[in-house]
Amino acid sequence: MQFRTGYIYHWVSAVLFIGIGMYVFFNPSVLPGNSASLKTGIAALLSIWGLFRGINGYLIYRRRSHEKE
């Protein structure tokens, strides 16, 4: 049995990753260390991963809506 995730799962996780990325970007003191560029890079990576999840969710939604037609 294969576990299949739906588009809602991808969209919710996208919002969470982008939200966490924005939180880290605007509040860099939540991460330990002194390197501002590392903290900005982590925030960017989280946001990009969230965008990737959102795009995957959209593609799953579009594929499933075309299958029903």
PDB file of N, CA and C in Angstrom:
ATOM      1  N   MET A   1       0.840  -1.180   0.000  1.00  0.00           N
ATOM      2  CA  MET A   1       0.000   0.000   0.000  1.00  0.00           C
ATOM      3  C   MET A   1       0.886   1.245   0.000  1.00  0.00           C
ATOM      4  N   GLN A   2       0.614   2.138  -0.895  1.00  0.00           N
ATOM      5  CA  GLN A   2       1.399   3.359  -1.020  1.00  0.00           C
ATOM      6  C   GLN A   2       0.650   4.512  -0.364  1.00  0.00           C
ATOM      7  N   PHE A   3       1.363   5.289   0.438  1.00  0.00           N
ATOM      8  CA  PHE A   3       0.779   6.459   1.084  1.00  0.00           C
ATOM      9  C   PHE A   3       0.767   7.614   0.102  1.00  0.00           C
ATOM     10  N   ARG A   4      -0.426   8.114  -0.195  1.00  0.00           N
ATOM     11  CA  ARG A   4      -0.554   9.228  -1.127  1.00  0.00           C
ATOM     12  C   ARG A   4      -0.988  10.471  -0.369  1.00  0.00           C
ATOM     13  N   THR A   5      -0.276  11.537  -0.572  1.00  0.00           N
ATOM     14  CA  THR A   5      -0.645  12.798   0.064  1.00  0.00           C
ATOM     15  C   THR A   5      -1.452  13.620  -0.926  1.00  0.00           C
ATOM     16  N   GLY A   6      -2.345  14.402  -0.408  1.00  0.00           N
ATOM     17  CA  GLY A   6      -3.193  15.221  -1.256  1.00  0.00           C
ATOM     18  C   GLY A   6      -2.694  16.648  -1.343  1.00  0.00           C
ATOM     19  N   TYR A   7      -3.404  17.418  -2.130  1.00  0.00           N
ATOM     20  CA  TYR A   7      -2.987  18.796  -2.353  1.00  0.00           C
ATOM     21  C   TYR A   7      -3.183  19.646  -1.106  1.00  0.00           C
ATOM     22  N   ILE A   8      -4.154  19.321  -0.266  1.00  0.00           N
ATOM     23  CA  ILE A   8      -4.363  20.104   0.948  1.00  0.00           C
ATOM     24  C   ILE A   8      -3.167  19.941   1.887  1.00  0.00           C
ATOM     25  N   TYR A   9      -2.643  18.741   1.999  1.00  0.00           N
ATOM     26  CA  TYR A   9      -1.446  18.488   2.809  1.00  0.00           C
ATOM     27  C   TYR A   9      -0.277  19.338   2.301  1.00  0.00           C
ATOM     28  N   HIS A  10      -0.102  19.396   0.994  1.00  0.00           N
ATOM     29  CA  HIS A  10       1.002  20.175   0.425  1.00  0.00           C
ATOM     30  C   HIS A  10       0.796  21.667   0.664  1.00  0.00           C
ATOM     31  N   TRP A  11      -0.437  22.146   0.522  1.00  0.00           N
ATOM     32  CA  TRP A  11      -0.689  23.564   0.733  1.00  0.00           C
ATOM     33  C   TRP A  11      -0.511  23.966   2.189  1.00  0.00           C
ATOM     34  N   VAL A  12      -0.958  23.126   3.119  1.00  0.00           N
ATOM     35  CA  VAL A  12      -0.792  23.436   4.542  1.00  0.00           C
ATOM     36  C   VAL A  12       0.691  23.435   4.911  1.00  0.00           C
ATOM     37  N   SER A  13       1.433  22.434   4.425  1.00  0.00           N
ATOM     38  CA  SER A  13       2.861  22.406   4.733  1.00  0.00           C
ATOM     39  C   SER A  13       3.593  23.572   4.068  1.00  0.00           C
ATOM     40  N   ALA A  14       3.137  24.003   2.896  1.00  0.00           N
ATOM     41  CA  ALA A  14       3.747  25.168   2.239  1.00  0.00           C
ATOM     42  C   ALA A  14       3.561  26.416   3.090  1.00  0.00           C
ATOM     43  N   VAL A  15       2.365  26.614   3.603  1.00  0.00           N
ATOM     44  CA  VAL A  15       2.100  27.781   4.450  1.00  0.00           C
ATOM     45  C   VAL A  15       2.961  27.726   5.716  1.00  0.00           C
ATOM     46  N   LEU A  16       3.096  26.539   6.296  1.00  0.00           N
ATOM     47  CA  LEU A  16       3.918  26.404   7.496  1.00  0.00           C
ATOM     48  C   LEU A  16       5.389  26.707   7.218  1.00  0.00           C
ATOM     49  N   PHE A  17       5.938  26.138   6.148  1.00  0.00           N
ATOM     50  CA  PHE A  17       7.353  26.379   5.843  1.00  0.00           C
ATOM     51  C   PHE A  17       7.610  27.844   5.502  1.00  0.00           C
ATOM     52  N   ILE A  18       6.749  28.450   4.719  1.00  0.00           N
ATOM     53  CA  ILE A  18       6.933  29.862   4.377  1.00  0.00           C
ATOM     54  C   ILE A  18       6.783  30.728   5.627  1.00  0.00           C
ATOM     55  N   GLY A  19       5.813  30.391   6.471  1.00  0.00           N
ATOM     56  CA  GLY A  19       5.622  31.141   7.715  1.00  0.00           C
ATOM     57  C   GLY A  19       6.822  31.050   8.639  1.00  0.00           C
ATOM     58  N   ILE A  20       7.355  29.853   8.786  1.00  0.00           N
ATOM     59  CA  ILE A  20       8.546  29.683   9.630  1.00  0.00           C
ATOM     60  C   ILE A  20       9.737  30.422   9.023  1.00  0.00           C
ATOM     61  N   GLY A  21       9.877  30.356   7.708  1.00  0.00           N
ATOM     62  CA  GLY A  21      10.960  31.081   7.039  1.00  0.00           C
ATOM     63  C   GLY A  21      10.863  32.581   7.248  1.00  0.00           C
ATOM     64  N   MET A  22       9.647  33.130   7.152  1.00  0.00           N
ATOM     65  CA  MET A  22       9.464  34.566   7.371  1.00  0.00           C
ATOM     66  C   MET A  22       9.708  34.928   8.840  1.00  0.00           C
ATOM     67  N   TYR A  23       9.298  34.053   9.739  1.00  0.00           N
ATOM     68  CA  TYR A  23       9.533  34.300  11.168  1.00  0.00           C
ATOM     69  C   TYR A  23      11.028  34.349  11.462  1.00  0.00           C
ATOM     70  N   VAL A  24      11.776  33.410  10.912  1.00  0.00           N
ATOM     71  CA  VAL A  24      13.227  33.398  11.117  1.00  0.00           C
ATOM     72  C   VAL A  24      13.870  34.622  10.468  1.00  0.00           C
ATOM     73  N   PHE A  25      13.370  35.016   9.304  1.00  0.00           N
ATOM     74  CA  PHE A  25      13.948  36.172   8.608  1.00  0.00           C
ATOM     75  C   PHE A  25      13.752  37.459   9.406  1.00  0.00           C
ATOM     76  N   PHE A  26      12.545  37.657   9.946  1.00  0.00           N
ATOM     77  CA  PHE A  26      12.260  38.897  10.658  1.00  0.00           C
ATOM     78  C   PHE A  26      12.649  38.847  12.136  1.00  0.00           C
ATOM     79  N   ASN A  27      12.898  37.641  12.674  1.00  0.00           N
ATOM     80  CA  ASN A  27      13.336  37.481  14.060  1.00  0.00           C
ATOM     81  C   ASN A  27      14.553  36.564  14.102  1.00  0.00           C
ATOM     82  N   PRO A  28      15.693  37.012  13.623  1.00  0.00           N
ATOM     83  CA  PRO A  28      16.860  36.133  13.552  1.00  0.00           C
ATOM     84  C   PRO A  28      17.396  35.701  14.912  1.00  0.00           C
ATOM     85  N   SER A  29      16.931  36.330  15.984  1.00  0.00           N
ATOM     86  CA  SER A  29      17.424  35.957  17.316  1.00  0.00           C
ATOM     87  C   SER A  29      16.873  34.605  17.773  1.00  0.00           C
ATOM     88  N   VAL A  30      15.917  34.022  17.047  1.00  0.00           N
ATOM     89  CA  VAL A  30      15.372  32.714  17.453  1.00  0.00           C
ATOM     90  C   VAL A  30      16.362  31.593  17.189  1.00  0.00           C
ATOM     91  N   LEU A  31      17.343  31.813  16.325  1.00  0.00           N
ATOM     92  CA  LEU A  31      18.362  30.809  16.044  1.00  0.00           C
ATOM     93  C   LEU A  31      19.645  31.160  16.788  1.00  0.00           C
ATOM     94  N   PRO A  32      20.322  30.164  17.333  1.00  0.00           N
ATOM     95  CA  PRO A  32      21.575  30.452  18.035  1.00  0.00           C
ATOM     96  C   PRO A  32      22.689  30.810  17.049  1.00  0.00           C
ATOM     97  N   GLY A  33      23.660  31.531  17.520  1.00  0.00           N
ATOM     98  CA  GLY A  33      24.808  31.898  16.687  1.00  0.00           C
ATOM     99  C   GLY A  33      24.793  33.371  16.330  1.00  0.00           C
ATOM    100  N   ASN A  34      25.891  33.810  15.713  1.00  0.00           N
ATOM    101  CA  ASN A  34      26.055  35.226  15.392  1.00  0.00           C
ATOM    102  C   ASN A  34      26.032  35.520  13.903  1.00  0.00           C
ATOM    103  N   SER A  35      25.972  34.514  13.063  1.00  0.00           N
ATOM    104  CA  SER A  35      26.073  34.726  11.630  1.00  0.00           C
ATOM    105  C   SER A  35      24.718  35.114  11.029  1.00  0.00           C
ATOM    106  N   ALA A  36      24.592  36.381  10.663  1.00  0.00           N
ATOM    107  CA  ALA A  36      23.344  36.874  10.082  1.00  0.00           C
ATOM    108  C   ALA A  36      23.112  36.278   8.698  1.00  0.00           C
ATOM    109  N   SER A  37      24.195  36.065   7.931  1.00  0.00           N
ATOM    110  CA  SER A  37      24.016  35.520   6.585  1.00  0.00           C
ATOM    111  C   SER A  37      23.545  34.067   6.639  1.00  0.00           C
ATOM    112  N   LEU A  38      24.000  33.308   7.635  1.00  0.00           N
ATOM    113  CA  LEU A  38      23.535  31.928   7.791  1.00  0.00           C
ATOM    114  C   LEU A  38      22.050  31.901   8.149  1.00  0.00           C
ATOM    115  N   LYS A  39      21.639  32.785   9.028  1.00  0.00           N
ATOM    116  CA  LYS A  39      20.227  32.847   9.413  1.00  0.00           C
ATOM    117  C   LYS A  39      19.351  33.271   8.242  1.00  0.00           C
ATOM    118  N   THR A  40      19.828  34.202   7.444  1.00  0.00           N
ATOM    119  CA  THR A  40      19.094  34.611   6.256  1.00  0.00           C
ATOM    120  C   THR A  40      19.021  33.471   5.247  1.00  0.00           C
ATOM    121  N   GLY A  41      20.094  32.723   5.120  1.00  0.00           N
ATOM    122  CA  GLY A  41      20.105  31.565   4.217  1.00  0.00           C
ATOM    123  C   GLY A  41      19.134  30.486   4.662  1.00  0.00           C
ATOM    124  N   ILE A  42      19.058  30.238   5.971  1.00  0.00           N
ATOM    125  CA  ILE A  42      18.111  29.256   6.490  1.00  0.00           C
ATOM    126  C   ILE A  42      16.680  29.718   6.230  1.00  0.00           C
ATOM    127  N   ALA A  43      16.412  30.994   6.447  1.00  0.00           N
ATOM    128  CA  ALA A  43      15.078  31.534   6.184  1.00  0.00           C
ATOM    129  C   ALA A  43      14.725  31.413   4.706  1.00  0.00           C
ATOM    130  N   ALA A  44      15.683  31.697   3.833  1.00  0.00           N
ATOM    131  CA  ALA A  44      15.439  31.579   2.395  1.00  0.00           C
ATOM    132  C   ALA A  44      15.203  30.131   1.993  1.00  0.00           C
ATOM    133  N   LEU A  45      15.973  29.220   2.551  1.00  0.00           N
ATOM    134  CA  LEU A  45      15.806  27.805   2.242  1.00  0.00           C
ATOM    135  C   LEU A  45      14.431  27.296   2.670  1.00  0.00           C
ATOM    136  N   LEU A  46      13.990  27.678   3.859  1.00  0.00           N
ATOM    137  CA  LEU A  46      12.663  27.279   4.320  1.00  0.00           C
ATOM    138  C   LEU A  46      11.567  27.846   3.426  1.00  0.00           C
ATOM    139  N   SER A  47      11.710  29.096   3.020  1.00  0.00           N
ATOM    140  CA  SER A  47      10.706  29.718   2.159  1.00  0.00           C
ATOM    141  C   SER A  47      10.684  29.084   0.776  1.00  0.00           C
ATOM    142  N   ILE A  48      11.845  28.780   0.230  1.00  0.00           N
ATOM    143  CA  ILE A  48      11.905  28.137  -1.089  1.00  0.00           C
ATOM    144  C   ILE A  48      11.302  26.743  -1.022  1.00  0.00           C
ATOM    145  N   TRP A  49      11.575  26.018   0.055  1.00  0.00           N
ATOM    146  CA  TRP A  49      10.979  24.689   0.218  1.00  0.00           C
ATOM    147  C   TRP A  49       9.448  24.810   0.320  1.00  0.00           C
ATOM    148  N   GLY A  50       8.969  25.839   1.002  1.00  0.00           N
ATOM    149  CA  GLY A  50       7.528  26.067   1.080  1.00  0.00           C
ATOM    150  C   GLY A  50       6.929  26.358  -0.278  1.00  0.00           C
ATOM    151  N   LEU A  51       7.622  27.146  -1.092  1.00  0.00           N
ATOM    152  CA  LEU A  51       7.136  27.419  -2.453  1.00  0.00           C
ATOM    153  C   LEU A  51       7.103  26.141  -3.282  1.00  0.00           C
ATOM    154  N   PHE A  52       8.122  25.311  -3.135  1.00  0.00           N
ATOM    155  CA  PHE A  52       8.165  24.031  -3.829  1.00  0.00           C
ATOM    156  C   PHE A  52       6.978  23.161  -3.427  1.00  0.00           C
ATOM    157  N   ARG A  53       6.667  23.123  -2.119  1.00  0.00           N
ATOM    158  CA  ARG A  53       5.519  22.345  -1.647  1.00  0.00           C
ATOM    159  C   ARG A  53       4.216  22.896  -2.219  1.00  0.00           C
ATOM    160  N   GLY A  54       4.095  24.205  -2.270  1.00  0.00           N
ATOM    161  CA  GLY A  54       2.887  24.822  -2.812  1.00  0.00           C
ATOM    162  C   GLY A  54       2.693  24.515  -4.292  1.00  0.00           C
ATOM    163  N   ILE A  55       3.774  24.561  -5.050  1.00  0.00           N
ATOM    164  CA  ILE A  55       3.694  24.237  -6.476  1.00  0.00           C
ATOM    165  C   ILE A  55       3.313  22.775  -6.660  1.00  0.00           C
ATOM    166  N   ASN A  56       3.893  21.887  -5.861  1.00  0.00           N
ATOM    167  CA  ASN A  56       3.506  20.473  -5.947  1.00  0.00           C
ATOM    168  C   ASN A  56       2.034  20.286  -5.614  1.00  0.00           C
ATOM    169  N   GLY A  57       1.551  20.996  -4.614  1.00  0.00           N
ATOM    170  CA  GLY A  57       0.135  20.919  -4.267  1.00  0.00           C
ATOM    171  C   GLY A  57      -0.746  21.379  -5.403  1.00  0.00           C
ATOM    172  N   TYR A  58      -0.353  22.463  -6.065  1.00  0.00           N
ATOM    173  CA  TYR A  58      -1.122  22.950  -7.201  1.00  0.00           C
ATOM    174  C   TYR A  58      -1.129  21.934  -8.338  1.00  0.00           C
ATOM    175  N   LEU A  59       0.013  21.323  -8.609  1.00  0.00           N
ATOM    176  CA  LEU A  59       0.079  20.327  -9.686  1.00  0.00           C
ATOM    177  C   LEU A  59      -0.773  19.101  -9.369  1.00  0.00           C
ATOM    178  N   ILE A  60      -0.793  18.681  -8.109  1.00  0.00           N
ATOM    179  CA  ILE A  60      -1.647  17.554  -7.718  1.00  0.00           C
ATOM    180  C   ILE A  60      -3.109  17.937  -7.871  1.00  0.00           C
ATOM    181  N   TYR A  61      -3.467  19.140  -7.444  1.00  0.00           N
ATOM    182  CA  TYR A  61      -4.847  19.616  -7.576  1.00  0.00           C
ATOM    183  C   TYR A  61      -5.277  19.641  -9.034  1.00  0.00           C
ATOM    184  N   ARG A  62      -4.417  20.178  -9.888  1.00  0.00           N
ATOM    185  CA  ARG A  62      -4.748  20.272 -11.305  1.00  0.00           C
ATOM    186  C   ARG A  62      -4.881  18.889 -11.943  1.00  0.00           C
ATOM    187  N   ARG A  63      -3.978  17.980 -11.582  1.00  0.00           N
ATOM    188  CA  ARG A  63      -4.027  16.622 -12.140  1.00  0.00           C
ATOM    189  C   ARG A  63      -5.310  15.920 -11.716  1.00  0.00           C
ATOM    190  N   ARG A  64      -5.677  16.031 -10.444  1.00  0.00           N
ATOM    191  CA  ARG A  64      -6.882  15.359  -9.960  1.00  0.00           C
ATOM    192  C   ARG A  64      -8.141  15.985 -10.514  1.00  0.00           C
ATOM    193  N   SER A  65      -8.152  17.302 -10.734  1.00  0.00           N
ATOM    194  CA  SER A  65      -9.348  17.926 -11.296  1.00  0.00           C
ATOM    195  C   SER A  65      -9.518  17.532 -12.762  1.00  0.00           C
ATOM    196  N   HIS A  66      -8.425  17.288 -13.480  1.00  0.00           N
ATOM    197  CA  HIS A  66      -8.535  16.843 -14.870  1.00  0.00           C
ATOM    198  C   HIS A  66      -8.935  15.376 -14.955  1.00  0.00           C
ATOM    199  N   GLU A  67      -8.575  14.578 -13.954  1.00  0.00           N
ATOM    200  CA  GLU A  67      -8.948  13.165 -13.960  1.00  0.00           C
ATOM    201  C   GLU A  67     -10.453  12.987 -13.780  1.00  0.00           C
ATOM    202  N   LYS A  68     -11.107  13.915 -13.071  1.00  0.00           N
ATOM    203  CA  LYS A  68     -12.532  13.811 -12.826  1.00  0.00           C
ATOM    204  C   LYS A  68     -13.365  14.153 -14.052  1.00  0.00           C
ATOM    205  N   GLU A  69     -12.785  14.871 -14.988  1.00  0.00           N
ATOM    206  CA  GLU A  69     -13.539  15.306 -16.175  1.00  0.00           C
ATOM    207  C   GLU A  69     -13.767  14.189 -17.139  1.00  0.00           C
TER     208      GLU A  69
END
